[in-house]
mmCIF file of all heavy atoms, coordinates in Angstrom:
data_MODEL
# 
_entry.id   MODEL 
# 
loop_
_atom_site.group_PDB 
_atom_site.id 
_atom_site.type_symbol 
_atom_site.label_atom_id 
_atom_site.label_alt_id 
_atom_site.label_comp_id 
_atom_site.label_asym_id 
_atom_site.label_entity_id 
_atom_site.label_seq_id 
_atom_site.pdbx_PDB_ins_code 
_atom_site.Cartn_x 
_atom_site.Cartn_y 
_atom_site.Cartn_z 
_atom_site.occupancy 
_atom_site.B_iso_or_equiv 
_atom_site.pdbx_formal_charge 
_atom_site.auth_seq_id 
_atom_site.auth_comp_id 
_atom_site.auth_asym_id 
_atom_site.auth_atom_id 
_atom_site.pdbx_PDB_model_num 
ATOM 1   N N   . ILE A 1 1  ? 23.690 145.788 24.205 1.00 0.00 ? 1  ILE A N   1 
ATOM 2   C CA  . ILE A 1 1  ? 24.469 145.189 23.126 1.00 0.00 ? 1  ILE A CA  1 
ATOM 3   C C   . ILE A 1 1  ? 24.196 143.694 23.119 1.00 0.00 ? 1  ILE A C   1 
ATOM 4   O O   . ILE A 1 1  ? 24.104 143.063 24.178 1.00 0.00 ? 1  ILE A O   1 
ATOM 5   C CB  . ILE A 1 1  ? 25.977 145.443 23.308 1.00 0.00 ? 1  ILE A CB  1 
ATOM 6   C CG1 . ILE A 1 1  ? 26.260 146.952 23.359 1.00 0.00 ? 1  ILE A CG1 1 
ATOM 7   C CG2 . ILE A 1 1  ? 26.780 144.795 22.177 1.00 0.00 ? 1  ILE A CG2 1 
ATOM 8   C CD1 . ILE A 1 1  ? 27.718 147.299 23.621 1.00 0.00 ? 1  ILE A CD1 1 
ATOM 9   N N   . ILE A 1 2  ? 24.066 143.128 21.921 1.00 0.00 ? 2  ILE A N   1 
ATOM 10  C CA  . ILE A 1 2  ? 23.777 141.704 21.763 1.00 0.00 ? 2  ILE A CA  1 
ATOM 11  C C   . ILE A 1 2  ? 24.942 141.043 21.043 1.00 0.00 ? 2  ILE A C   1 
ATOM 12  O O   . ILE A 1 2  ? 25.346 141.485 19.961 1.00 0.00 ? 2  ILE A O   1 
ATOM 13  C CB  . ILE A 1 2  ? 22.478 141.505 20.962 1.00 0.00 ? 2  ILE A CB  1 
ATOM 14  C CG1 . ILE A 1 2  ? 21.293 142.103 21.741 1.00 0.00 ? 2  ILE A CG1 1 
ATOM 15  C CG2 . ILE A 1 2  ? 22.242 140.029 20.658 1.00 0.00 ? 2  ILE A CG2 1 
ATOM 16  C CD1 . ILE A 1 2  ? 20.074 142.381 20.894 1.00 0.00 ? 2  ILE A CD1 1 
ATOM 17  N N   . CYS A 1 3  ? 25.495 139.988 21.636 1.00 0.00 ? 3  CYS A N   1 
ATOM 18  C CA  . CYS A 1 3  ? 26.563 139.215 21.014 1.00 0.00 ? 3  CYS A CA  1 
ATOM 19  C C   . CYS A 1 3  ? 25.966 137.931 20.441 1.00 0.00 ? 3  CYS A C   1 
ATOM 20  O O   . CYS A 1 3  ? 25.405 137.119 21.186 1.00 0.00 ? 3  CYS A O   1 
ATOM 21  C CB  . CYS A 1 3  ? 27.644 138.857 22.026 1.00 0.00 ? 3  CYS A CB  1 
ATOM 22  S SG  . CYS A 1 3  ? 28.660 140.247 22.531 1.00 0.00 ? 3  CYS A SG  1 
ATOM 23  N N   . GLU A 1 4  ? 26.091 137.757 19.142 1.00 0.00 ? 4  GLU A N   1 
ATOM 24  C CA  . GLU A 1 4  ? 25.660 136.519 18.485 1.00 0.00 ? 4  GLU A CA  1 
ATOM 25  C C   . GLU A 1 4  ? 26.822 135.553 18.525 1.00 0.00 ? 4  GLU A C   1 
ATOM 26  O O   . GLU A 1 4  ? 27.900 135.859 18.009 1.00 0.00 ? 4  GLU A O   1 
ATOM 27  C CB  . GLU A 1 4  ? 25.217 136.822 17.053 1.00 0.00 ? 4  GLU A CB  1 
ATOM 28  C CG  . GLU A 1 4  ? 24.826 135.601 16.246 1.00 0.00 ? 4  GLU A CG  1 
ATOM 29  C CD  . GLU A 1 4  ? 26.024 134.923 15.602 1.00 0.00 ? 4  GLU A CD  1 
ATOM 30  O OE1 . GLU A 1 4  ? 26.805 135.591 14.910 1.00 0.00 ? 4  GLU A OE1 1 
ATOM 31  O OE2 . GLU A 1 4  ? 26.160 133.698 15.812 1.00 0.00 ? 4  GLU A OE2 1 
ATOM 32  N N   . ALA A 1 5  ? 26.608 134.378 19.126 1.00 0.00 ? 5  ALA A N   1 
ATOM 33  C CA  . ALA A 1 5  ? 27.693 133.399 19.283 1.00 0.00 ? 5  ALA A CA  1 
ATOM 34  C C   . ALA A 1 5  ? 27.201 132.000 18.955 1.00 0.00 ? 5  ALA A C   1 
ATOM 35  O O   . ALA A 1 5  ? 27.540 131.026 19.638 1.00 0.00 ? 5  ALA A O   1 
ATOM 36  C CB  . ALA A 1 5  ? 28.252 133.466 20.699 1.00 0.00 ? 5  ALA A CB  1 
ATOM 37  N N   . PHE A 1 6  ? 26.397 131.893 17.906 1.00 0.00 ? 6  PHE A N   1 
ATOM 38  C CA  . PHE A 1 6  ? 25.857 130.605 17.491 1.00 0.00 ? 6  PHE A CA  1 
ATOM 39  C C   . PHE A 1 6  ? 26.819 129.871 16.562 1.00 0.00 ? 6  PHE A C   1 
ATOM 40  O O   . PHE A 1 6  ? 27.692 130.483 15.946 1.00 0.00 ? 6  PHE A O   1 
ATOM 41  C CB  . PHE A 1 6  ? 24.526 130.800 16.755 1.00 0.00 ? 6  PHE A CB  1 
ATOM 42  C CG  . PHE A 1 6  ? 23.406 131.318 17.618 1.00 0.00 ? 6  PHE A CG  1 
ATOM 43  C CD1 . PHE A 1 6  ? 22.462 132.189 17.094 1.00 0.00 ? 6  PHE A CD1 1 
ATOM 44  C CD2 . PHE A 1 6  ? 23.280 130.931 18.929 1.00 0.00 ? 6  PHE A CD2 1 
ATOM 45  C CE1 . PHE A 1 6  ? 21.429 132.663 17.866 1.00 0.00 ? 6  PHE A CE1 1 
ATOM 46  C CE2 . PHE A 1 6  ? 22.246 131.399 19.719 1.00 0.00 ? 6  PHE A CE2 1 
ATOM 47  C CZ  . PHE A 1 6  ? 21.311 132.261 19.184 1.00 0.00 ? 6  PHE A CZ  1 
ATOM 48  N N   . ASP A 1 7  ? 26.607 128.562 16.412 1.00 0.00 ? 7  ASP A N   1 
ATOM 49  C CA  . ASP A 1 7  ? 27.370 127.780 15.434 1.00 0.00 ? 7  ASP A CA  1 
ATOM 50  C C   . ASP A 1 7  ? 26.469 127.258 14.315 1.00 0.00 ? 7  ASP A C   1 
ATOM 51  O O   . ASP A 1 7  ? 26.884 126.428 13.518 1.00 0.00 ? 7  ASP A O   1 
ATOM 52  C CB  . ASP A 1 7  ? 28.108 126.624 16.104 1.00 0.00 ? 7  ASP A CB  1 
ATOM 53  C CG  . ASP A 1 7  ? 27.181 125.705 16.887 1.00 0.00 ? 7  ASP A CG  1 
ATOM 54  O OD1 . ASP A 1 7  ? 25.946 125.830 16.745 1.00 0.00 ? 7  ASP A OD1 1 
ATOM 55  O OD2 . ASP A 1 7  ? 27.680 124.841 17.625 1.00 0.00 ? 7  ASP A OD2 1 
ATOM 56  N N   . ASN A 1 8  ? 25.253 127.764 14.267 1.00 0.00 ? 8  ASN A N   1 
ATOM 57  C CA  . ASN A 1 8  ? 24.280 127.342 13.259 1.00 0.00 ? 8  ASN A CA  1 
ATOM 58  C C   . ASN A 1 8  ? 23.931 128.528 12.364 1.00 0.00 ? 8  ASN A C   1 
ATOM 59  O O   . ASN A 1 8  ? 23.539 129.592 12.856 1.00 0.00 ? 8  ASN A O   1 
ATOM 60  C CB  . ASN A 1 8  ? 23.030 126.797 13.956 1.00 0.00 ? 8  ASN A CB  1 
ATOM 61  C CG  . ASN A 1 8  ? 21.940 126.402 12.986 1.00 0.00 ? 8  ASN A CG  1 
ATOM 62  O OD1 . ASN A 1 8  ? 21.182 127.258 12.537 1.00 0.00 ? 8  ASN A OD1 1 
ATOM 63  N ND2 . ASN A 1 8  ? 21.847 125.126 12.665 1.00 0.00 ? 8  ASN A ND2 1 
ATOM 64  N N   . ALA A 1 9  ? 24.087 128.352 11.053 1.00 0.00 ? 9  ALA A N   1 
ATOM 65  C CA  . ALA A 1 9  ? 23.899 129.457 10.108 1.00 0.00 ? 9  ALA A CA  1 
ATOM 66  C C   . ALA A 1 9  ? 22.485 130.017 10.146 1.00 0.00 ? 9  ALA A C   1 
ATOM 67  O O   . ALA A 1 9  ? 22.286 131.236 10.082 1.00 0.00 ? 9  ALA A O   1 
ATOM 68  C CB  . ALA A 1 9  ? 24.243 128.992 8.694  1.00 0.00 ? 9  ALA A CB  1 
ATOM 69  N N   . GLU A 1 10 ? 21.485 129.135 10.251 1.00 0.00 ? 10 GLU A N   1 
ATOM 70  C CA  . GLU A 1 10 ? 20.103 129.630 10.262 1.00 0.00 ? 10 GLU A CA  1 
ATOM 71  C C   . GLU A 1 10 ? 19.801 130.429 11.517 1.00 0.00 ? 10 GLU A C   1 
ATOM 72  O O   . GLU A 1 10 ? 19.106 131.442 11.467 1.00 0.00 ? 10 GLU A O   1 
ATOM 73  C CB  . GLU A 1 10 ? 19.130 128.455 10.140 1.00 0.00 ? 10 GLU A CB  1 
ATOM 74  C CG  . GLU A 1 10 ? 19.018 127.952 8.729  1.00 0.00 ? 10 GLU A CG  1 
ATOM 75  C CD  . GLU A 1 10 ? 19.508 126.527 8.615  1.00 0.00 ? 10 GLU A CD  1 
ATOM 76  O OE1 . GLU A 1 10 ? 19.668 125.844 9.639  1.00 0.00 ? 10 GLU A OE1 1 
ATOM 77  O OE2 . GLU A 1 10 ? 19.748 126.124 7.481  1.00 0.00 ? 10 GLU A OE2 1 
ATOM 78  N N   . ALA A 1 11 ? 20.324 129.956 12.647 1.00 0.00 ? 11 ALA A N   1 
ATOM 79  C CA  . ALA A 1 11 ? 20.122 130.672 13.906 1.00 0.00 ? 11 ALA A CA  1 
ATOM 80  C C   . ALA A 1 11 ? 20.814 132.024 13.873 1.00 0.00 ? 11 ALA A C   1 
ATOM 81  O O   . ALA A 1 11 ? 20.273 133.032 14.356 1.00 0.00 ? 11 ALA A O   1 
ATOM 82  C CB  . ALA A 1 11 ? 20.640 129.837 15.077 1.00 0.00 ? 11 ALA A CB  1 
ATOM 83  N N   . LYS A 1 12 ? 22.001 132.072 13.286 1.00 0.00 ? 12 LYS A N   1 
ATOM 84  C CA  . LYS A 1 12 ? 22.724 133.343 13.137 1.00 0.00 ? 12 LYS A CA  1 
ATOM 85  C C   . LYS A 1 12 ? 21.892 134.327 12.327 1.00 0.00 ? 12 LYS A C   1 
ATOM 86  O O   . LYS A 1 12 ? 21.737 135.492 12.706 1.00 0.00 ? 12 LYS A O   1 
ATOM 87  C CB  . LYS A 1 12 ? 24.057 133.115 12.420 1.00 0.00 ? 12 LYS A CB  1 
ATOM 88  C CG  . LYS A 1 12 ? 25.161 132.505 13.254 1.00 0.00 ? 12 LYS A CG  1 
ATOM 89  C CD  . LYS A 1 12 ? 26.394 132.257 12.397 1.00 0.00 ? 12 LYS A CD  1 
ATOM 90  C CE  . LYS A 1 12 ? 27.574 131.773 13.207 1.00 0.00 ? 12 LYS A CE  1 
ATOM 91  N NZ  . LYS A 1 12 ? 28.194 132.850 14.006 1.00 0.00 ? 12 LYS A NZ  1 
ATOM 92  N N   . ALA A 1 13 ? 21.368 133.852 11.194 1.00 0.00 ? 13 ALA A N   1 
ATOM 93  C CA  . ALA A 1 13 ? 20.600 134.725 10.299 1.00 0.00 ? 13 ALA A CA  1 
ATOM 94  C C   . ALA A 1 13 ? 19.319 135.205 10.966 1.00 0.00 ? 13 ALA A C   1 
ATOM 95  O O   . ALA A 1 13 ? 18.943 136.377 10.859 1.00 0.00 ? 13 ALA A O   1 
ATOM 96  C CB  . ALA A 1 13 ? 20.282 133.987 9.004  1.00 0.00 ? 13 ALA A CB  1 
ATOM 97  N N   . MET A 1 14 ? 18.636 134.304 11.683 1.00 0.00 ? 14 MET A N   1 
ATOM 98  C CA  . MET A 1 14 ? 17.404 134.681 12.356 1.00 0.00 ? 14 MET A CA  1 
ATOM 99  C C   . MET A 1 14 ? 17.642 135.770 13.383 1.00 0.00 ? 14 MET A C   1 
ATOM 100 O O   . MET A 1 14 ? 16.936 136.779 13.435 1.00 0.00 ? 14 MET A O   1 
ATOM 101 C CB  . MET A 1 14 ? 16.779 133.444 13.026 1.00 0.00 ? 14 MET A CB  1 
ATOM 102 C CG  . MET A 1 14 ? 15.439 133.706 13.724 1.00 0.00 ? 14 MET A CG  1 
ATOM 103 S SD  . MET A 1 14 ? 15.579 134.317 15.430 1.00 0.00 ? 14 MET A SD  1 
ATOM 104 C CE  . MET A 1 14 ? 16.261 132.868 16.253 1.00 0.00 ? 14 MET A CE  1 
ATOM 105 N N   . LEU A 1 15 ? 18.664 135.588 14.209 1.00 0.00 ? 15 LEU A N   1 
ATOM 106 C CA  . LEU A 1 15 ? 18.957 136.571 15.242 1.00 0.00 ? 15 LEU A CA  1 
ATOM 107 C C   . LEU A 1 15 ? 19.367 137.906 14.631 1.00 0.00 ? 15 LEU A C   1 
ATOM 108 O O   . LEU A 1 15 ? 18.865 138.971 15.026 1.00 0.00 ? 15 LEU A O   1 
ATOM 109 C CB  . LEU A 1 15 ? 20.042 136.056 16.177 1.00 0.00 ? 15 LEU A CB  1 
ATOM 110 C CG  . LEU A 1 15 ? 20.316 136.932 17.408 1.00 0.00 ? 15 LEU A CG  1 
ATOM 111 C CD1 . LEU A 1 15 ? 20.616 136.068 18.628 1.00 0.00 ? 15 LEU A CD1 1 
ATOM 112 C CD2 . LEU A 1 15 ? 21.466 137.887 17.188 1.00 0.00 ? 15 LEU A CD2 1 
ATOM 113 N N   . ALA A 1 16 ? 20.256 137.863 13.657 1.00 0.00 ? 16 ALA A N   1 
ATOM 114 C CA  . ALA A 1 16 ? 20.732 139.103 13.035 1.00 0.00 ? 16 ALA A CA  1 
ATOM 115 C C   . ALA A 1 16 ? 19.589 139.862 12.376 1.00 0.00 ? 16 ALA A C   1 
ATOM 116 O O   . ALA A 1 16 ? 19.456 141.083 12.548 1.00 0.00 ? 16 ALA A O   1 
ATOM 117 C CB  . ALA A 1 16 ? 21.817 138.795 12.015 1.00 0.00 ? 16 ALA A CB  1 
ATOM 118 N N   . ASN A 1 17 ? 18.747 139.152 11.643 1.00 0.00 ? 17 ASN A N   1 
ATOM 119 C CA  . ASN A 1 17 ? 17.636 139.812 10.962 1.00 0.00 ? 17 ASN A CA  1 
ATOM 120 C C   . ASN A 1 17 ? 16.670 140.442 11.952 1.00 0.00 ? 17 ASN A C   1 
ATOM 121 O O   . ASN A 1 17 ? 16.196 141.569 11.759 1.00 0.00 ? 17 ASN A O   1 
ATOM 122 C CB  . ASN A 1 17 ? 16.889 138.813 10.075 1.00 0.00 ? 17 ASN A CB  1 
ATOM 123 C CG  . ASN A 1 17 ? 17.700 138.401 8.863  1.00 0.00 ? 17 ASN A CG  1 
ATOM 124 O OD1 . ASN A 1 17 ? 18.592 139.133 8.427  1.00 0.00 ? 17 ASN A OD1 1 
ATOM 125 N ND2 . ASN A 1 17 ? 17.408 137.230 8.312  1.00 0.00 ? 17 ASN A ND2 1 
ATOM 126 N N   . PHE A 1 18 ? 16.381 139.720 13.039 1.00 0.00 ? 18 PHE A N   1 
ATOM 127 C CA  . PHE A 1 18 ? 15.444 140.254 14.028 1.00 0.00 ? 18 PHE A CA  1 
ATOM 128 C C   . PHE A 1 18 ? 16.005 141.488 14.707 1.00 0.00 ? 18 PHE A C   1 
ATOM 129 O O   . PHE A 1 18 ? 15.307 142.508 14.847 1.00 0.00 ? 18 PHE A O   1 
ATOM 130 C CB  . PHE A 1 18 ? 15.102 139.189 15.072 1.00 0.00 ? 18 PHE A CB  1 
ATOM 131 C CG  . PHE A 1 18 ? 13.987 139.602 15.989 1.00 0.00 ? 18 PHE A CG  1 
ATOM 132 C CD1 . PHE A 1 18 ? 12.671 139.269 15.701 1.00 0.00 ? 18 PHE A CD1 1 
ATOM 133 C CD2 . PHE A 1 18 ? 14.228 140.347 17.144 1.00 0.00 ? 18 PHE A CD2 1 
ATOM 134 C CE1 . PHE A 1 18 ? 11.630 139.665 16.535 1.00 0.00 ? 18 PHE A CE1 1 
ATOM 135 C CE2 . PHE A 1 18 ? 13.206 140.738 17.986 1.00 0.00 ? 18 PHE A CE2 1 
ATOM 136 C CZ  . PHE A 1 18 ? 11.901 140.404 17.677 1.00 0.00 ? 18 PHE A CZ  1 
ATOM 137 N N   . VAL A 1 19 ? 17.250 141.409 15.148 1.00 0.00 ? 19 VAL A N   1 
ATOM 138 C CA  . VAL A 1 19 ? 17.844 142.551 15.850 1.00 0.00 ? 19 VAL A CA  1 
ATOM 139 C C   . VAL A 1 19 ? 17.935 143.765 14.940 1.00 0.00 ? 19 VAL A C   1 
ATOM 140 O O   . VAL A 1 19 ? 17.571 144.886 15.336 1.00 0.00 ? 19 VAL A O   1 
ATOM 141 C CB  . VAL A 1 19 ? 19.242 142.176 16.396 1.00 0.00 ? 19 VAL A CB  1 
ATOM 142 C CG1 . VAL A 1 19 ? 19.941 143.406 16.971 1.00 0.00 ? 19 VAL A CG1 1 
ATOM 143 C CG2 . VAL A 1 19 ? 19.123 141.101 17.469 1.00 0.00 ? 19 VAL A CG2 1 
ATOM 144 N N   . LEU A 1 20 ? 18.397 143.571 13.724 1.00 0.00 ? 20 LEU A N   1 
ATOM 145 C CA  . LEU A 1 20 ? 18.583 144.704 12.817 1.00 0.00 ? 20 LEU A CA  1 
ATOM 146 C C   . LEU A 1 20 ? 17.262 145.311 12.363 1.00 0.00 ? 20 LEU A C   1 
ATOM 147 O O   . LEU A 1 20 ? 17.186 146.512 12.099 1.00 0.00 ? 20 LEU A O   1 
ATOM 148 C CB  . LEU A 1 20 ? 19.399 144.253 11.601 1.00 0.00 ? 20 LEU A CB  1 
ATOM 149 C CG  . LEU A 1 20 ? 20.840 143.826 11.906 1.00 0.00 ? 20 LEU A CG  1 
ATOM 150 C CD1 . LEU A 1 20 ? 21.505 143.262 10.660 1.00 0.00 ? 20 LEU A CD1 1 
ATOM 151 C CD2 . LEU A 1 20 ? 21.654 144.980 12.471 1.00 0.00 ? 20 LEU A CD2 1 
ATOM 152 N N   . GLU A 1 21 ? 16.205 144.479 12.293 1.00 0.00 ? 21 GLU A N   1 
ATOM 153 C CA  . GLU A 1 21 ? 14.915 144.977 11.814 1.00 0.00 ? 21 GLU A CA  1 
ATOM 154 C C   . GLU A 1 21 ? 13.983 145.416 12.937 1.00 0.00 ? 21 GLU A C   1 
ATOM 155 O O   . GLU A 1 21 ? 13.229 146.383 12.780 1.00 0.00 ? 21 GLU A O   1 
ATOM 156 C CB  . GLU A 1 21 ? 14.220 143.895 10.983 1.00 0.00 ? 21 GLU A CB  1 
ATOM 157 C CG  . GLU A 1 21 ? 14.946 143.569 9.683  1.00 0.00 ? 21 GLU A CG  1 
ATOM 158 C CD  . GLU A 1 21 ? 14.322 142.392 8.946  1.00 0.00 ? 21 GLU A CD  1 
ATOM 159 O OE1 . GLU A 1 21 ? 13.247 141.913 9.390  1.00 0.00 ? 21 GLU A OE1 1 
ATOM 160 O OE2 . GLU A 1 21 ? 14.911 141.949 7.950  1.00 0.00 ? 21 GLU A OE2 1 
ATOM 161 N N   . LYS A 1 22 ? 14.021 144.727 14.079 1.00 0.00 ? 22 LYS A N   1 
ATOM 162 C CA  . LYS A 1 22 ? 13.049 144.998 15.150 1.00 0.00 ? 22 LYS A CA  1 
ATOM 163 C C   . LYS A 1 22 ? 13.668 145.638 16.388 1.00 0.00 ? 22 LYS A C   1 
ATOM 164 O O   . LYS A 1 22 ? 12.980 146.337 17.137 1.00 0.00 ? 22 LYS A O   1 
ATOM 165 C CB  . LYS A 1 22 ? 12.365 143.691 15.556 1.00 0.00 ? 22 LYS A CB  1 
ATOM 166 C CG  . LYS A 1 22 ? 11.695 142.950 14.409 1.00 0.00 ? 22 LYS A CG  1 
ATOM 167 C CD  . LYS A 1 22 ? 10.446 143.674 13.921 1.00 0.00 ? 22 LYS A CD  1 
ATOM 168 C CE  . LYS A 1 22 ? 9.796  142.912 12.764 1.00 0.00 ? 22 LYS A CE  1 
ATOM 169 N NZ  . LYS A 1 22 ? 9.333  141.582 13.134 1.00 0.00 ? 22 LYS A NZ  1 
ATOM 170 N N   . LEU A 1 23 ? 14.928 145.373 16.641 1.00 0.00 ? 23 LEU A N   1 
ATOM 171 C CA  . LEU A 1 23 ? 15.606 145.941 17.812 1.00 0.00 ? 23 LEU A CA  1 
ATOM 172 C C   . LEU A 1 23 ? 16.705 146.884 17.334 1.00 0.00 ? 23 LEU A C   1 
ATOM 173 O O   . LEU A 1 23 ? 17.848 146.832 17.784 1.00 0.00 ? 23 LEU A O   1 
ATOM 174 C CB  . LEU A 1 23 ? 16.199 144.826 18.680 1.00 0.00 ? 23 LEU A CB  1 
ATOM 175 C CG  . LEU A 1 23 ? 15.208 143.810 19.254 1.00 0.00 ? 23 LEU A CG  1 
ATOM 176 C CD1 . LEU A 1 23 ? 15.943 142.689 19.971 1.00 0.00 ? 23 LEU A CD1 1 
ATOM 177 C CD2 . LEU A 1 23 ? 14.223 144.484 20.195 1.00 0.00 ? 23 LEU A CD2 1 
ATOM 178 N N   . TYR A 1 24 ? 16.354 147.765 16.424 1.00 0.00 ? 24 TYR A N   1 
ATOM 179 C CA  . TYR A 1 24 ? 17.332 148.602 15.721 1.00 0.00 ? 24 TYR A CA  1 
ATOM 180 C C   . TYR A 1 24 ? 18.010 149.633 16.616 1.00 0.00 ? 24 TYR A C   1 
ATOM 181 O O   . TYR A 1 24 ? 18.964 150.289 16.196 1.00 0.00 ? 24 TYR A O   1 
ATOM 182 C CB  . TYR A 1 24 ? 16.677 149.294 14.523 1.00 0.00 ? 24 TYR A CB  1 
ATOM 183 C CG  . TYR A 1 24 ? 15.315 149.869 14.800 1.00 0.00 ? 24 TYR A CG  1 
ATOM 184 C CD1 . TYR A 1 24 ? 15.166 151.104 15.423 1.00 0.00 ? 24 TYR A CD1 1 
ATOM 185 C CD2 . TYR A 1 24 ? 14.174 149.150 14.462 1.00 0.00 ? 24 TYR A CD2 1 
ATOM 186 C CE1 . TYR A 1 24 ? 13.918 151.614 15.700 1.00 0.00 ? 24 TYR A CE1 1 
ATOM 187 C CE2 . TYR A 1 24 ? 12.907 149.671 14.737 1.00 0.00 ? 24 TYR A CE2 1 
ATOM 188 C CZ  . TYR A 1 24 ? 12.785 150.891 15.345 1.00 0.00 ? 24 TYR A CZ  1 
ATOM 189 O OH  . TYR A 1 24 ? 11.542 151.394 15.625 1.00 0.00 ? 24 TYR A OH  1 
ATOM 190 N N   . ASP A 1 25 ? 17.538 149.790 17.851 1.00 0.00 ? 25 ASP A N   1 
ATOM 191 C CA  . ASP A 1 25 ? 18.195 150.708 18.779 1.00 0.00 ? 25 ASP A CA  1 
ATOM 192 C C   . ASP A 1 25 ? 19.378 150.042 19.491 1.00 0.00 ? 25 ASP A C   1 
ATOM 193 O O   . ASP A 1 25 ? 20.120 150.710 20.210 1.00 0.00 ? 25 ASP A O   1 
ATOM 194 C CB  . ASP A 1 25 ? 17.196 151.221 19.821 1.00 0.00 ? 25 ASP A CB  1 
ATOM 195 C CG  . ASP A 1 25 ? 16.577 150.096 20.652 1.00 0.00 ? 25 ASP A CG  1 
ATOM 196 O OD1 . ASP A 1 25 ? 16.301 149.020 20.070 1.00 0.00 ? 25 ASP A OD1 1 
ATOM 197 O OD2 . ASP A 1 25 ? 16.363 150.291 21.856 1.00 0.00 ? 25 ASP A OD2 1 
ATOM 198 N N   . LYS A 1 26 ? 19.563 148.737 19.274 1.00 0.00 ? 26 LYS A N   1 
ATOM 199 C CA  . LYS A 1 26 ? 20.611 147.998 19.973 1.00 0.00 ? 26 LYS A CA  1 
ATOM 200 C C   . LYS A 1 26 ? 21.773 147.686 19.031 1.00 0.00 ? 26 LYS A C   1 
ATOM 201 O O   . LYS A 1 26 ? 21.599 147.599 17.818 1.00 0.00 ? 26 LYS A O   1 
ATOM 202 C CB  . LYS A 1 26 ? 20.038 146.700 20.538 1.00 0.00 ? 26 LYS A CB  1 
ATOM 203 C CG  . LYS A 1 26 ? 18.847 146.940 21.468 1.00 0.00 ? 26 LYS A CG  1 
ATOM 204 C CD  . LYS A 1 26 ? 18.317 145.670 22.062 1.00 0.00 ? 26 LYS A CD  1 
ATOM 205 C CE  . LYS A 1 26 ? 17.048 145.939 22.879 1.00 0.00 ? 26 LYS A CE  1 
ATOM 206 N NZ  . LYS A 1 26 ? 17.249 146.919 23.961 1.00 0.00 ? 26 LYS A NZ  1 
ATOM 207 N N   . TYR A 1 27 ? 22.941 147.491 19.610 1.00 0.00 ? 27 TYR A N   1 
ATOM 208 C CA  . TYR A 1 27 ? 24.115 147.109 18.839 1.00 0.00 ? 27 TYR A CA  1 
ATOM 209 C C   . TYR A 1 27 ? 24.173 145.585 18.742 1.00 0.00 ? 27 TYR A C   1 
ATOM 210 O O   . TYR A 1 27 ? 23.854 144.878 19.706 1.00 0.00 ? 27 TYR A O   1 
ATOM 211 C CB  . TYR A 1 27 ? 25.387 147.618 19.506 1.00 0.00 ? 27 TYR A CB  1 
ATOM 212 C CG  . TYR A 1 27 ? 25.590 149.104 19.365 1.00 0.00 ? 27 TYR A CG  1 
ATOM 213 C CD1 . TYR A 1 27 ? 25.065 149.983 20.309 1.00 0.00 ? 27 TYR A CD1 1 
ATOM 214 C CD2 . TYR A 1 27 ? 26.284 149.635 18.283 1.00 0.00 ? 27 TYR A CD2 1 
ATOM 215 C CE1 . TYR A 1 27 ? 25.245 151.360 20.187 1.00 0.00 ? 27 TYR A CE1 1 
ATOM 216 C CE2 . TYR A 1 27 ? 26.472 151.003 18.151 1.00 0.00 ? 27 TYR A CE2 1 
ATOM 217 C CZ  . TYR A 1 27 ? 25.946 151.851 19.097 1.00 0.00 ? 27 TYR A CZ  1 
ATOM 218 O OH  . TYR A 1 27 ? 26.112 153.210 18.969 1.00 0.00 ? 27 TYR A OH  1 
ATOM 219 N N   . LEU A 1 28 ? 24.604 145.094 17.580 1.00 0.00 ? 28 LEU A N   1 
ATOM 220 C CA  . LEU A 1 28 ? 24.779 143.672 17.358 1.00 0.00 ? 28 LEU A CA  1 
ATOM 221 C C   . LEU A 1 28 ? 26.239 143.393 17.006 1.00 0.00 ? 28 LEU A C   1 
ATOM 222 O O   . LEU A 1 28 ? 26.801 144.006 16.090 1.00 0.00 ? 28 LEU A O   1 
ATOM 223 C CB  . LEU A 1 28 ? 23.880 143.190 16.218 1.00 0.00 ? 28 LEU A CB  1 
ATOM 224 C CG  . LEU A 1 28 ? 24.062 141.734 15.779 1.00 0.00 ? 28 LEU A CG  1 
ATOM 225 C CD1 . LEU A 1 28 ? 23.688 140.770 16.906 1.00 0.00 ? 28 LEU A CD1 1 
ATOM 226 C CD2 . LEU A 1 28 ? 23.220 141.439 14.542 1.00 0.00 ? 28 LEU A CD2 1 
# 
């Protein structure tokens, strides 16, 4: 499981997009 805890919108979007598209077996 991956917890996103950033305070930067671009960093949030980058991490979310990568996990959902490339690490789709993991929970975000």
